[in-house]
Amino acid sequence: MSETPQSSQEDKDLVEYLKYLTTLSTGSIILQIAFLEKVFPHPKWKALLVASLLFFTLSIIASIVLYTTIVVPGLVDRTSFSGFFRDLTIRLWTLSVTWAGFLLGILALVIFALRNLLIL
């Protein structure tokens, strides 16, 4: 399977999409670290903060893996039919992990904030 102009454009769009997700995840980590002590001087359920940081980090790592499979030529064999589906499988798994990490990071952060702001 050769590289078509459409798949090349799809790759570019996916790379841009991954940049946005990694930017959001990185920003979330930085904001958590920067404002934690100022907003929550005596936080409860600190494990949720740790989980949030780990999930955002997982999202960033999965994005890097997916980005690498897109931009490094020859890393994944796309010339054969089985190579094409292996590439597709890698992309689907890493994109799923990227999204799961991001969404779980946000969820853990929201639960932590609700617990500490509303004192549940």
PDB file of N, CA and C in Angstrom:
ATOM      1  N   MET A   1       0.851  -1.168   0.000  1.00  0.00           N
ATOM      2  CA  MET A   1       0.000   0.000   0.000  1.00  0.00           C
ATOM      3  C   MET A   1       0.899   1.234   0.000  1.00  0.00           C
ATOM      4  N   SER A   2       0.751   2.014  -0.993  1.00  0.00           N
ATOM      5  CA  SER A   2       1.607   3.185  -1.091  1.00  0.00           C
ATOM      6  C   SER A   2       0.945   4.383  -0.428  1.00  0.00           C
ATOM      7  N   GLU A   3       1.743   5.352  -0.172  1.00  0.00           N
ATOM      8  CA  GLU A   3       1.304   6.602   0.465  1.00  0.00           C
ATOM      9  C   GLU A   3       0.525   7.422  -0.562  1.00  0.00           C
ATOM     10  N   THR A   4      -0.713   7.774  -0.246  1.00  0.00           N
ATOM     11  CA  THR A   4      -1.518   8.580  -1.152  1.00  0.00           C
ATOM     12  C   THR A   4      -1.569   9.999  -0.627  1.00  0.00           C
ATOM     13  N   PRO A   5      -1.926  10.963  -1.492  1.00  0.00           N
ATOM     14  CA  PRO A   5      -2.039  12.346  -0.995  1.00  0.00           C
ATOM     15  C   PRO A   5      -3.061  12.469   0.134  1.00  0.00           C
ATOM     16  N   GLN A   6      -4.141  11.667   0.070  1.00  0.00           N
ATOM     17  CA  GLN A   6      -5.150  11.732   1.121  1.00  0.00           C
ATOM     18  C   GLN A   6      -4.584  11.228   2.452  1.00  0.00           C
ATOM     19  N   SER A   7      -3.848  10.102   2.422  1.00  0.00           N
ATOM     20  CA  SER A   7      -3.290   9.584   3.677  1.00  0.00           C
ATOM     21  C   SER A   7      -2.213  10.522   4.217  1.00  0.00           C
ATOM     22  N   SER A   8      -1.499  11.188   3.315  1.00  0.00           N
ATOM     23  CA  SER A   8      -0.507  12.166   3.751  1.00  0.00           C
ATOM     24  C   SER A   8      -1.180  13.339   4.463  1.00  0.00           C
ATOM     25  N   GLN A   9      -2.304  13.809   3.920  1.00  0.00           N
ATOM     26  CA  GLN A   9      -3.044  14.893   4.567  1.00  0.00           C
ATOM     27  C   GLN A   9      -3.638  14.417   5.892  1.00  0.00           C
ATOM     28  N   GLU A  10      -4.108  13.178   5.936  1.00  0.00           N
ATOM     29  CA  GLU A  10      -4.643  12.621   7.183  1.00  0.00           C
ATOM     30  C   GLU A  10      -3.543  12.547   8.245  1.00  0.00           C
ATOM     31  N   ASP A  11      -2.339  12.172   7.826  1.00  0.00           N
ATOM     32  CA  ASP A  11      -1.211  12.137   8.757  1.00  0.00           C
ATOM     33  C   ASP A  11      -0.920  13.526   9.315  1.00  0.00           C
ATOM     34  N   LYS A  12      -0.934  14.524   8.450  1.00  0.00           N
ATOM     35  CA  LYS A  12      -0.689  15.898   8.897  1.00  0.00           C
ATOM     36  C   LYS A  12      -1.761  16.353   9.875  1.00  0.00           C
ATOM     37  N   ASP A  13      -3.012  16.027   9.570  1.00  0.00           N
ATOM     38  CA  ASP A  13      -4.112  16.395  10.471  1.00  0.00           C
ATOM     39  C   ASP A  13      -3.976  15.689  11.823  1.00  0.00           C
ATOM     40  N   LEU A  14      -3.590  14.422  11.784  1.00  0.00           N
ATOM     41  CA  LEU A  14      -3.412  13.673  13.029  1.00  0.00           C
ATOM     42  C   LEU A  14      -2.265  14.241  13.856  1.00  0.00           C
ATOM     43  N   VAL A  15      -1.199  14.629  13.202  1.00  0.00           N
ATOM     44  CA  VAL A  15      -0.066  15.236  13.912  1.00  0.00           C
ATOM     45  C   VAL A  15      -0.509  16.533  14.588  1.00  0.00           C
ATOM     46  N   GLU A  16      -1.261  17.366  13.898  1.00  0.00           N
ATOM     47  CA  GLU A  16      -1.768  18.605  14.503  1.00  0.00           C
ATOM     48  C   GLU A  16      -2.679  18.300  15.690  1.00  0.00           C
ATOM     49  N   TYR A  17      -3.524  17.318  15.535  1.00  0.00           N
ATOM     50  CA  TYR A  17      -4.437  16.896  16.596  1.00  0.00           C
ATOM     51  C   TYR A  17      -3.658  16.426  17.826  1.00  0.00           C
ATOM     52  N   LEU A  18      -2.605  15.650  17.598  1.00  0.00           N
ATOM     53  CA  LEU A  18      -1.771  15.168  18.702  1.00  0.00           C
ATOM     54  C   LEU A  18      -1.064  16.331  19.403  1.00  0.00           C
ATOM     55  N   LYS A  19      -0.673  17.340  18.636  1.00  0.00           N
ATOM     56  CA  LYS A  19      -0.035  18.516  19.241  1.00  0.00           C
ATOM     57  C   LYS A  19      -0.987  19.199  20.211  1.00  0.00           C
ATOM     58  N   TYR A  20      -2.261  19.302  19.826  1.00  0.00           N
ATOM     59  CA  TYR A  20      -3.243  19.931  20.715  1.00  0.00           C
ATOM     60  C   TYR A  20      -3.440  19.105  21.995  1.00  0.00           C
ATOM     61  N   LEU A  21      -3.558  17.796  21.841  1.00  0.00           N
ATOM     62  CA  LEU A  21      -3.753  16.950  23.019  1.00  0.00           C
ATOM     63  C   LEU A  21      -2.548  16.986  23.958  1.00  0.00           C
ATOM     64  N   THR A  22      -1.349  16.959  23.394  1.00  0.00           N
ATOM     65  CA  THR A  22      -0.168  17.012  24.255  1.00  0.00           C
ATOM     66  C   THR A  22      -0.026  18.374  24.915  1.00  0.00           C
ATOM     67  N   THR A  23      -0.406  19.426  24.202  1.00  0.00           N
ATOM     68  CA  THR A  23      -0.374  20.764  24.800  1.00  0.00           C
ATOM     69  C   THR A  23      -1.346  20.863  25.964  1.00  0.00           C
ATOM     70  N   LEU A  24      -2.550  20.342  25.789  1.00  0.00           N
ATOM     71  CA  LEU A  24      -3.542  20.365  26.869  1.00  0.00           C
ATOM     72  C   LEU A  24      -3.086  19.528  28.070  1.00  0.00           C
ATOM     73  N   SER A  25      -2.534  18.359  27.804  1.00  0.00           N
ATOM     74  CA  SER A  25      -2.062  17.504  28.895  1.00  0.00           C
ATOM     75  C   SER A  25      -0.885  18.137  29.632  1.00  0.00           C
ATOM     76  N   THR A  26       0.056  18.682  28.880  1.00  0.00           N
ATOM     77  CA  THR A  26       1.215  19.334  29.496  1.00  0.00           C
ATOM     78  C   THR A  26       0.784  20.550  30.308  1.00  0.00           C
ATOM     79  N   GLY A  27      -0.115  21.348  29.743  1.00  0.00           N
ATOM     80  CA  GLY A  27      -0.624  22.509  30.464  1.00  0.00           C
ATOM     81  C   GLY A  27      -1.335  22.123  31.743  1.00  0.00           C
ATOM     82  N   SER A  28      -2.080  21.048  31.699  1.00  0.00           N
ATOM     83  CA  SER A  28      -2.772  20.578  32.901  1.00  0.00           C
ATOM     84  C   SER A  28      -1.784  20.167  33.987  1.00  0.00           C
ATOM     85  N   ILE A  29      -0.729  19.496  33.603  1.00  0.00           N
ATOM     86  CA  ILE A  29       0.302  19.100  34.575  1.00  0.00           C
ATOM     87  C   ILE A  29       0.954  20.339  35.184  1.00  0.00           C
ATOM     88  N   ILE A  30       1.316  21.289  34.347  1.00  0.00           N
ATOM     89  CA  ILE A  30       1.987  22.504  34.837  1.00  0.00           C
ATOM     90  C   ILE A  30       1.077  23.298  35.763  1.00  0.00           C
ATOM     91  N   LEU A  31      -0.187  23.448  35.388  1.00  0.00           N
ATOM     92  CA  LEU A  31      -1.123  24.187  36.241  1.00  0.00           C
ATOM     93  C   LEU A  31      -1.358  23.483  37.575  1.00  0.00           C
ATOM     94  N   GLN A  32      -1.437  22.168  37.562  1.00  0.00           N
ATOM     95  CA  GLN A  32      -1.608  21.429  38.820  1.00  0.00           C
ATOM     96  C   GLN A  32      -0.437  21.669  39.755  1.00  0.00           C
ATOM     97  N   ILE A  33       0.740  21.579  39.214  1.00  0.00           N
ATOM     98  CA  ILE A  33       1.938  21.745  40.040  1.00  0.00           C
ATOM     99  C   ILE A  33       2.065  23.186  40.526  1.00  0.00           C
ATOM    100  N   ALA A  34       1.762  24.138  39.657  1.00  0.00           N
ATOM    101  CA  ALA A  34       1.951  25.556  39.994  1.00  0.00           C
ATOM    102  C   ALA A  34       0.947  26.055  41.027  1.00  0.00           C
ATOM    103  N   PHE A  35      -0.301  25.631  40.918  1.00  0.00           N
ATOM    104  CA  PHE A  35      -1.336  26.219  41.754  1.00  0.00           C
ATOM    105  C   PHE A  35      -1.847  25.326  42.874  1.00  0.00           C
ATOM    106  N   LEU A  36      -1.315  24.152  43.020  1.00  0.00           N
ATOM    107  CA  LEU A  36      -1.833  23.217  44.014  1.00  0.00           C
ATOM    108  C   LEU A  36      -1.799  23.786  45.429  1.00  0.00           C
ATOM    109  N   GLU A  37      -0.646  24.263  45.853  1.00  0.00           N
ATOM    110  CA  GLU A  37      -0.510  24.750  47.226  1.00  0.00           C
ATOM    111  C   GLU A  37      -1.277  26.050  47.459  1.00  0.00           C
ATOM    112  N   LYS A  38      -1.422  26.855  46.416  1.00  0.00           N
ATOM    113  CA  LYS A  38      -2.135  28.131  46.576  1.00  0.00           C
ATOM    114  C   LYS A  38      -3.641  27.942  46.671  1.00  0.00           C
ATOM    115  N   VAL A  39      -4.180  27.023  45.886  1.00  0.00           N
ATOM    116  CA  VAL A  39      -5.626  26.823  45.850  1.00  0.00           C
ATOM    117  C   VAL A  39      -6.091  25.867  46.948  1.00  0.00           C
ATOM    118  N   PHE A  40      -5.327  24.812  47.170  1.00  0.00           N
ATOM    119  CA  PHE A  40      -5.686  23.810  48.178  1.00  0.00           C
ATOM    120  C   PHE A  40      -4.540  23.663  49.175  1.00  0.00           C
ATOM    121  N   PRO A  41      -4.517  24.472  50.251  1.00  0.00           N
ATOM    122  CA  PRO A  41      -3.402  24.398  51.195  1.00  0.00           C
ATOM    123  C   PRO A  41      -3.339  23.057  51.942  1.00  0.00           C
ATOM    124  N   HIS A  42      -4.496  22.446  52.207  1.00  0.00           N
ATOM    125  CA  HIS A  42      -4.535  21.148  52.895  1.00  0.00           C
ATOM    126  C   HIS A  42      -5.443  20.206  52.101  1.00  0.00           C
ATOM    127  N   PRO A  43      -4.946  19.715  50.990  1.00  0.00           N
ATOM    128  CA  PRO A  43      -5.813  18.916  50.113  1.00  0.00           C
ATOM    129  C   PRO A  43      -6.147  17.546  50.709  1.00  0.00           C
ATOM    130  N   LYS A  44      -7.348  17.094  50.376  1.00  0.00           N
ATOM    131  CA  LYS A  44      -7.778  15.748  50.727  1.00  0.00           C
ATOM    132  C   LYS A  44      -7.812  14.932  49.446  1.00  0.00           C
ATOM    133  N   TRP A  45      -7.701  13.633  49.588  1.00  0.00           N
ATOM    134  CA  TRP A  45      -7.698  12.700  48.463  1.00  0.00           C
ATOM    135  C   TRP A  45      -6.556  13.024  47.492  1.00  0.00           C
ATOM    136  N   LYS A  46      -5.354  13.118  48.025  1.00  0.00           N
ATOM    137  CA  LYS A  46      -4.180  13.434  47.202  1.00  0.00           C
ATOM    138  C   LYS A  46      -3.914  12.379  46.136  1.00  0.00           C
ATOM    139  N   ALA A  47      -4.404  11.182  46.358  1.00  0.00           N
ATOM    140  CA  ALA A  47      -4.193  10.109  45.381  1.00  0.00           C
ATOM    141  C   ALA A  47      -4.811  10.468  44.026  1.00  0.00           C
ATOM    142  N   LEU A  48      -5.882  11.254  44.062  1.00  0.00           N
ATOM    143  CA  LEU A  48      -6.483  11.682  42.793  1.00  0.00           C
ATOM    144  C   LEU A  48      -5.567  12.615  42.021  1.00  0.00           C
ATOM    145  N   LEU A  49      -4.818  13.434  42.730  1.00  0.00           N
ATOM    146  CA  LEU A  49      -3.835  14.301  42.052  1.00  0.00           C
ATOM    147  C   LEU A  49      -2.735  13.469  41.405  1.00  0.00           C
ATOM    148  N   VAL A  50      -2.268  12.488  42.138  1.00  0.00           N
ATOM    149  CA  VAL A  50      -1.235  11.605  41.590  1.00  0.00           C
ATOM    150  C   VAL A  50      -1.776  10.875  40.365  1.00  0.00           C
ATOM    151  N   ALA A  51      -2.999  10.367  40.478  1.00  0.00           N
ATOM    152  CA  ALA A  51      -3.612   9.669  39.343  1.00  0.00           C
ATOM    153  C   ALA A  51      -3.751  10.605  38.146  1.00  0.00           C
ATOM    154  N   SER A  52      -4.185  11.826  38.393  1.00  0.00           N
ATOM    155  CA  SER A  52      -4.344  12.800  37.316  1.00  0.00           C
ATOM    156  C   SER A  52      -3.013  13.064  36.616  1.00  0.00           C
ATOM    157  N   LEU A  53      -1.965  13.280  37.402  1.00  0.00           N
ATOM    158  CA  LEU A  53      -0.645  13.510  36.813  1.00  0.00           C
ATOM    159  C   LEU A  53      -0.185  12.306  35.992  1.00  0.00           C
ATOM    160  N   LEU A  54      -0.414  11.104  36.512  1.00  0.00           N
ATOM    161  CA  LEU A  54      -0.008   9.894  35.790  1.00  0.00           C
ATOM    162  C   LEU A  54      -0.810   9.717  34.493  1.00  0.00           C
ATOM    163  N   PHE A  55      -2.108   9.993  34.553  1.00  0.00           N
ATOM    164  CA  PHE A  55      -2.930   9.860  33.350  1.00  0.00           C
ATOM    165  C   PHE A  55      -2.528  10.876  32.276  1.00  0.00           C
ATOM    166  N   PHE A  56      -2.263  12.112  32.685  1.00  0.00           N
ATOM    167  CA  PHE A  56      -1.824  13.105  31.710  1.00  0.00           C
ATOM    168  C   PHE A  56      -0.466  12.714  31.110  1.00  0.00           C
ATOM    169  N   THR A  57       0.409  12.182  31.942  1.00  0.00           N
ATOM    170  CA  THR A  57       1.718  11.723  31.456  1.00  0.00           C
ATOM    171  C   THR A  57       1.552  10.565  30.481  1.00  0.00           C
ATOM    172  N   LEU A  58       0.650   9.633  30.796  1.00  0.00           N
ATOM    173  CA  LEU A  58       0.368   8.517  29.894  1.00  0.00           C
ATOM    174  C   LEU A  58      -0.148   9.026  28.553  1.00  0.00           C
ATOM    175  N   SER A  59      -1.005  10.023  28.588  1.00  0.00           N
ATOM    176  CA  SER A  59      -1.528  10.613  27.358  1.00  0.00           C
ATOM    177  C   SER A  59      -0.403  11.214  26.516  1.00  0.00           C
ATOM    178  N   ILE A  60       0.512  11.897  27.162  1.00  0.00           N
ATOM    179  CA  ILE A  60       1.642  12.499  26.441  1.00  0.00           C
ATOM    180  C   ILE A  60       2.535  11.422  25.827  1.00  0.00           C
ATOM    181  N   ILE A  61       2.828  10.382  26.592  1.00  0.00           N
ATOM    182  CA  ILE A  61       3.698   9.307  26.091  1.00  0.00           C
ATOM    183  C   ILE A  61       3.046   8.591  24.908  1.00  0.00           C
ATOM    184  N   ALA A  62       1.751   8.287  25.012  1.00  0.00           N
ATOM    185  CA  ALA A  62       1.058   7.624  23.905  1.00  0.00           C
ATOM    186  C   ALA A  62       1.046   8.517  22.664  1.00  0.00           C
ATOM    187  N   SER A  63       0.888   9.810  22.853  1.00  0.00           N
ATOM    188  CA  SER A  63       0.934  10.744  21.720  1.00  0.00           C
ATOM    189  C   SER A  63       2.299  10.730  21.055  1.00  0.00           C
ATOM    190  N   ILE A  64       3.335  10.667  21.857  1.00  0.00           N
ATOM    191  CA  ILE A  64       4.699  10.631  21.309  1.00  0.00           C
ATOM    192  C   ILE A  64       4.919   9.357  20.504  1.00  0.00           C
ATOM    193  N   VAL A  65       4.434   8.233  21.017  1.00  0.00           N
ATOM    194  CA  VAL A  65       4.574   6.965  20.292  1.00  0.00           C
ATOM    195  C   VAL A  65       3.840   7.036  18.957  1.00  0.00           C
ATOM    196  N   LEU A  66       2.621   7.531  18.988  1.00  0.00           N
ATOM    197  CA  LEU A  66       1.852   7.647  17.751  1.00  0.00           C
ATOM    198  C   LEU A  66       2.510   8.622  16.785  1.00  0.00           C
ATOM    199  N   TYR A  67       2.961   9.750  17.287  1.00  0.00           N
ATOM    200  CA  TYR A  67       3.649  10.734  16.453  1.00  0.00           C
ATOM    201  C   TYR A  67       4.885  10.116  15.797  1.00  0.00           C
ATOM    202  N   THR A  68       5.614   9.328  16.556  1.00  0.00           N
ATOM    203  CA  THR A  68       6.824   8.685  16.034  1.00  0.00           C
ATOM    204  C   THR A  68       6.493   7.721  14.905  1.00  0.00           C
ATOM    205  N   THR A  69       5.411   6.954  15.053  1.00  0.00           N
ATOM    206  CA  THR A  69       5.047   6.020  13.979  1.00  0.00           C
ATOM    207  C   THR A  69       4.620   6.745  12.711  1.00  0.00           C
ATOM    208  N   ILE A  70       4.171   7.995  12.849  1.00  0.00           N
ATOM    209  CA  ILE A  70       3.744   8.758  11.680  1.00  0.00           C
ATOM    210  C   ILE A  70       4.927   9.392  10.964  1.00  0.00           C
ATOM    211  N   VAL A  71       5.842   9.997  11.728  1.00  0.00           N
ATOM    212  CA  VAL A  71       6.871  10.820  11.090  1.00  0.00           C
ATOM    213  C   VAL A  71       8.176  10.091  10.769  1.00  0.00           C
ATOM    214  N   VAL A  72       8.439   8.954  11.399  1.00  0.00           N
ATOM    215  CA  VAL A  72       9.681   8.238  11.114  1.00  0.00           C
ATOM    216  C   VAL A  72       9.428   7.282   9.947  1.00  0.00           C
ATOM    217  N   PRO A  73      10.026   7.560   8.792  1.00  0.00           N
ATOM    218  CA  PRO A  73       9.782   6.705   7.632  1.00  0.00           C
ATOM    219  C   PRO A  73      10.382   5.314   7.834  1.00  0.00           C
ATOM    220  N   GLY A  74       9.636   4.305   7.426  1.00  0.00           N
ATOM    221  CA  GLY A  74      10.133   2.946   7.505  1.00  0.00           C
ATOM    222  C   GLY A  74       9.977   2.285   8.864  1.00  0.00           C
ATOM    223  N   LEU A  75       9.511   3.009   9.858  1.00  0.00           N
ATOM    224  CA  LEU A  75       9.326   2.411  11.184  1.00  0.00           C
ATOM    225  C   LEU A  75       8.237   1.355  11.140  1.00  0.00           C
ATOM    226  N   VAL A  76       7.182   1.653  10.433  1.00  0.00           N
ATOM    227  CA  VAL A  76       6.093   0.704  10.233  1.00  0.00           C
ATOM    228  C   VAL A  76       5.979   0.444   8.743  1.00  0.00           C
ATOM    229  N   ASP A  77       5.978  -0.839   8.367  1.00  0.00           N
ATOM    230  CA  ASP A  77       5.894  -1.225   6.958  1.00  0.00           C
ATOM    231  C   ASP A  77       4.470  -1.017   6.457  1.00  0.00           C
ATOM    232  N   ARG A  78       4.294  -0.030   5.588  1.00  0.00           N
ATOM    233  CA  ARG A  78       2.969   0.244   5.035  1.00  0.00           C
ATOM    234  C   ARG A  78       2.837  -0.250   3.600  1.00  0.00           C
ATOM    235  N   THR A  79       3.842  -0.967   3.107  1.00  0.00           N
ATOM    236  CA  THR A  79       3.801  -1.403   1.720  1.00  0.00           C
ATOM    237  C   THR A  79       3.013  -2.700   1.558  1.00  0.00           C
ATOM    238  N   SER A  80       2.924  -3.509   2.587  1.00  0.00           N
ATOM    239  CA  SER A  80       2.167  -4.752   2.491  1.00  0.00           C
ATOM    240  C   SER A  80       0.806  -4.590   3.157  1.00  0.00           C
ATOM    241  N   PHE A  81      -0.069  -5.523   2.832  1.00  0.00           N
ATOM    242  CA  PHE A  81      -1.418  -5.485   3.391  1.00  0.00           C
ATOM    243  C   PHE A  81      -1.378  -5.696   4.907  1.00  0.00           C
ATOM    244  N   SER A  82      -0.575  -6.654   5.372  1.00  0.00           N
ATOM    245  CA  SER A  82      -0.482  -6.911   6.818  1.00  0.00           C
ATOM    246  C   SER A  82       0.198  -5.741   7.534  1.00  0.00           C
ATOM    247  N   GLY A  83       1.167  -5.110   6.892  1.00  0.00           N
ATOM    248  CA  GLY A  83       1.824  -3.938   7.476  1.00  0.00           C
ATOM    249  C   GLY A  83       0.874  -2.772   7.620  1.00  0.00           C
ATOM    250  N   PHE A  84      -0.017  -2.627   6.640  1.00  0.00           N
ATOM    251  CA  PHE A  84      -1.011  -1.559   6.701  1.00  0.00           C
ATOM    252  C   PHE A  84      -1.926  -1.744   7.905  1.00  0.00           C
ATOM    253  N   PHE A  85      -2.390  -2.982   8.120  1.00  0.00           N
ATOM    254  CA  PHE A  85      -3.282  -3.225   9.254  1.00  0.00           C
ATOM    255  C   PHE A  85      -2.553  -3.177  10.588  1.00  0.00           C
ATOM    256  N   ARG A  86      -1.285  -3.539  10.602  1.00  0.00           N
ATOM    257  CA  ARG A  86      -0.482  -3.404  11.830  1.00  0.00           C
ATOM    258  C   ARG A  86      -0.336  -1.923  12.183  1.00  0.00           C
ATOM    259  N   ASP A  87      -0.085  -1.106  11.164  1.00  0.00           N
ATOM    260  CA  ASP A  87       0.014   0.336  11.366  1.00  0.00           C
ATOM    261  C   ASP A  87      -1.311   0.892  11.885  1.00  0.00           C
ATOM    262  N   LEU A  88      -2.399   0.460  11.284  1.00  0.00           N
ATOM    263  CA  LEU A  88      -3.721   0.907  11.718  1.00  0.00           C
ATOM    264  C   LEU A  88      -3.995   0.493  13.158  1.00  0.00           C
ATOM    265  N   THR A  89      -3.621  -0.723  13.519  1.00  0.00           N
ATOM    266  CA  THR A  89      -3.815  -1.208  14.887  1.00  0.00           C
ATOM    267  C   THR A  89      -3.003  -0.387  15.879  1.00  0.00           C
ATOM    268  N   ILE A  90      -1.754  -0.103  15.543  1.00  0.00           N
ATOM    269  CA  ILE A  90      -0.905   0.722  16.417  1.00  0.00           C
ATOM    270  C   ILE A  90      -1.527   2.098  16.590  1.00  0.00           C
ATOM    271  N   ARG A  91      -1.988   2.676  15.498  1.00  0.00           N
ATOM    272  CA  ARG A  91      -2.595   4.011  15.579  1.00  0.00           C
ATOM    273  C   ARG A  91      -3.848   4.016  16.441  1.00  0.00           C
ATOM    274  N   LEU A  92      -4.710   3.021  16.252  1.00  0.00           N
ATOM    275  CA  LEU A  92      -5.942   2.974  17.036  1.00  0.00           C
ATOM    276  C   LEU A  92      -5.658   2.782  18.525  1.00  0.00           C
ATOM    277  N   TRP A  93      -4.733   1.891  18.854  1.00  0.00           N
ATOM    278  CA  TRP A  93      -4.408   1.653  20.266  1.00  0.00           C
ATOM    279  C   TRP A  93      -3.778   2.877  20.907  1.00  0.00           C
ATOM    280  N   THR A  94      -2.805   3.466  20.240  1.00  0.00           N
ATOM    281  CA  THR A  94      -2.139   4.618  20.863  1.00  0.00           C
ATOM    282  C   THR A  94      -3.064   5.828  20.935  1.00  0.00           C
ATOM    283  N   LEU A  95      -3.917   6.014  19.943  1.00  0.00           N
ATOM    284  CA  LEU A  95      -4.877   7.113  20.016  1.00  0.00           C
ATOM    285  C   LEU A  95      -5.890   6.866  21.133  1.00  0.00           C
ATOM    286  N   SER A  96      -6.301   5.621  21.309  1.00  0.00           N
ATOM    287  CA  SER A  96      -7.217   5.268  22.404  1.00  0.00           C
ATOM    288  C   SER A  96      -6.574   5.515  23.760  1.00  0.00           C
ATOM    289  N   VAL A  97      -5.318   5.130  23.901  1.00  0.00           N
ATOM    290  CA  VAL A  97      -4.610   5.358  25.166  1.00  0.00           C
ATOM    291  C   VAL A  97      -4.413   6.855  25.401  1.00  0.00           C
ATOM    292  N   THR A  98      -4.124   7.593  24.343  1.00  0.00           N
ATOM    293  CA  THR A  98      -3.986   9.046  24.470  1.00  0.00           C
ATOM    294  C   THR A  98      -5.273   9.657  25.000  1.00  0.00           C
ATOM    295  N   TRP A  99      -6.387   9.302  24.387  1.00  0.00           N
ATOM    296  CA  TRP A  99      -7.672   9.852  24.824  1.00  0.00           C
ATOM    297  C   TRP A  99      -8.058   9.372  26.217  1.00  0.00           C
ATOM    298  N   ALA A 100      -7.863   8.089  26.491  1.00  0.00           N
ATOM    299  CA  ALA A 100      -8.208   7.558  27.813  1.00  0.00           C
ATOM    300  C   ALA A 100      -7.392   8.255  28.896  1.00  0.00           C
ATOM    301  N   GLY A 101      -6.102   8.421  28.665  1.00  0.00           N
ATOM    302  CA  GLY A 101      -5.258   9.106  29.637  1.00  0.00           C
ATOM    303  C   GLY A 101      -5.705  10.533  29.865  1.00  0.00           C
ATOM    304  N   PHE A 102      -6.027  11.233  28.786  1.00  0.00           N
ATOM    305  CA  PHE A 102      -6.462  12.625  28.914  1.00  0.00           C
ATOM    306  C   PHE A 102      -7.787  12.727  29.664  1.00  0.00           C
ATOM    307  N   LEU A 103      -8.767  11.922  29.261  1.00  0.00           N
ATOM    308  CA  LEU A 103     -10.080  11.991  29.895  1.00  0.00           C
ATOM    309  C   LEU A 103     -10.041  11.537  31.360  1.00  0.00           C
ATOM    310  N   LEU A 104      -9.289  10.488  31.653  1.00  0.00           N
ATOM    311  CA  LEU A 104      -9.172  10.038  33.039  1.00  0.00           C
ATOM    312  C   LEU A 104      -8.416  11.055  33.892  1.00  0.00           C
ATOM    313  N   GLY A 105      -7.438  11.733  33.298  1.00  0.00           N
ATOM    314  CA  GLY A 105      -6.727  12.798  34.011  1.00  0.00           C
ATOM    315  C   GLY A 105      -7.663  13.939  34.368  1.00  0.00           C
ATOM    316  N   ILE A 106      -8.499  14.343  33.415  1.00  0.00           N
ATOM    317  CA  ILE A 106      -9.485  15.400  33.667  1.00  0.00           C
ATOM    318  C   ILE A 106     -10.486  14.944  34.726  1.00  0.00           C
ATOM    319  N   LEU A 107     -10.967  13.711  34.608  1.00  0.00           N
ATOM    320  CA  LEU A 107     -11.945  13.193  35.575  1.00  0.00           C
ATOM    321  C   LEU A 107     -11.375  13.164  36.992  1.00  0.00           C
ATOM    322  N   ALA A 108     -10.150  12.678  37.137  1.00  0.00           N
ATOM    323  CA  ALA A 108      -9.523  12.638  38.461  1.00  0.00           C
ATOM    324  C   ALA A 108      -9.346  14.046  39.014  1.00  0.00           C
ATOM    325  N   LEU A 109      -8.977  14.978  38.171  1.00  0.00           N
ATOM    326  CA  LEU A 109      -8.791  16.359  38.610  1.00  0.00           C
ATOM    327  C   LEU A 109     -10.115  17.008  39.027  1.00  0.00           C
ATOM    328  N   VAL A 110     -11.172  16.735  38.279  1.00  0.00           N
ATOM    329  CA  VAL A 110     -12.485  17.291  38.618  1.00  0.00           C
ATOM    330  C   VAL A 110     -12.990  16.705  39.933  1.00  0.00           C
ATOM    331  N   ILE A 111     -12.852  15.413  40.120  1.00  0.00           N
ATOM    332  CA  ILE A 111     -13.287  14.797  41.381  1.00  0.00           C
ATOM    333  C   ILE A 111     -12.482  15.352  42.547  1.00  0.00           C
ATOM    334  N   PHE A 112     -11.174  15.514  42.363  1.00  0.00           N
ATOM    335  CA  PHE A 112     -10.332  16.098  43.410  1.00  0.00           C
ATOM    336  C   PHE A 112     -10.799  17.507  43.755  1.00  0.00           C
ATOM    337  N   ALA A 113     -11.060  18.320  42.734  1.00  0.00           N
ATOM    338  CA  ALA A 113     -11.484  19.701  42.974  1.00  0.00           C
ATOM    339  C   ALA A 113     -12.837  19.738  43.678  1.00  0.00           C
ATOM    340  N   LEU A 114     -13.771  18.912  43.236  1.00  0.00           N
ATOM    341  CA  LEU A 114     -15.081  18.875  43.886  1.00  0.00           C
ATOM    342  C   LEU A 114     -14.963  18.437  45.336  1.00  0.00           C
ATOM    343  N   ARG A 115     -14.148  17.460  45.590  1.00  0.00           N
ATOM    344  CA  ARG A 115     -13.962  16.974  46.964  1.00  0.00           C
ATOM    345  C   ARG A 115     -13.391  18.051  47.856  1.00  0.00           C
ATOM    346  N   ASN A 116     -12.470  18.827  47.349  1.00  0.00           N
ATOM    347  CA  ASN A 116     -11.812  19.835  48.171  1.00  0.00           C
ATOM    348  C   ASN A 116     -12.534  21.179  48.196  1.00  0.00           C
ATOM    349  N   LEU A 117     -13.285  21.489  47.163  1.00  0.00           N
ATOM    350  CA  LEU A 117     -14.031  22.750  47.158  1.00  0.00           C
ATOM    351  C   LEU A 117     -15.378  22.623  47.863  1.00  0.00           C
ATOM    352  N   LEU A 118     -16.053  21.503  47.640  1.00  0.00           N
ATOM    353  CA  LEU A 118     -17.359  21.313  48.221  1.00  0.00           C
ATOM    354  C   LEU A 118     -17.312  20.563  49.555  1.00  0.00           C
ATOM    355  N   ILE A 119     -16.142  20.050  49.871  1.00  0.00           N
ATOM    356  CA  ILE A 119     -15.914  19.253  51.082  1.00  0.00           C
ATOM    357  C   ILE A 119     -16.978  18.165  51.197  1.00  0.00           C
ATOM    358  N   LEU A 120     -16.935  17.251  50.232  1.00  0.00           N
ATOM    359  CA  LEU A 120     -17.875  16.125  50.195  1.00  0.00           C
ATOM    360  C   LEU A 120     -17.588  15.135  51.292  1.00  0.00           C
TER     361      LEU A 120
END
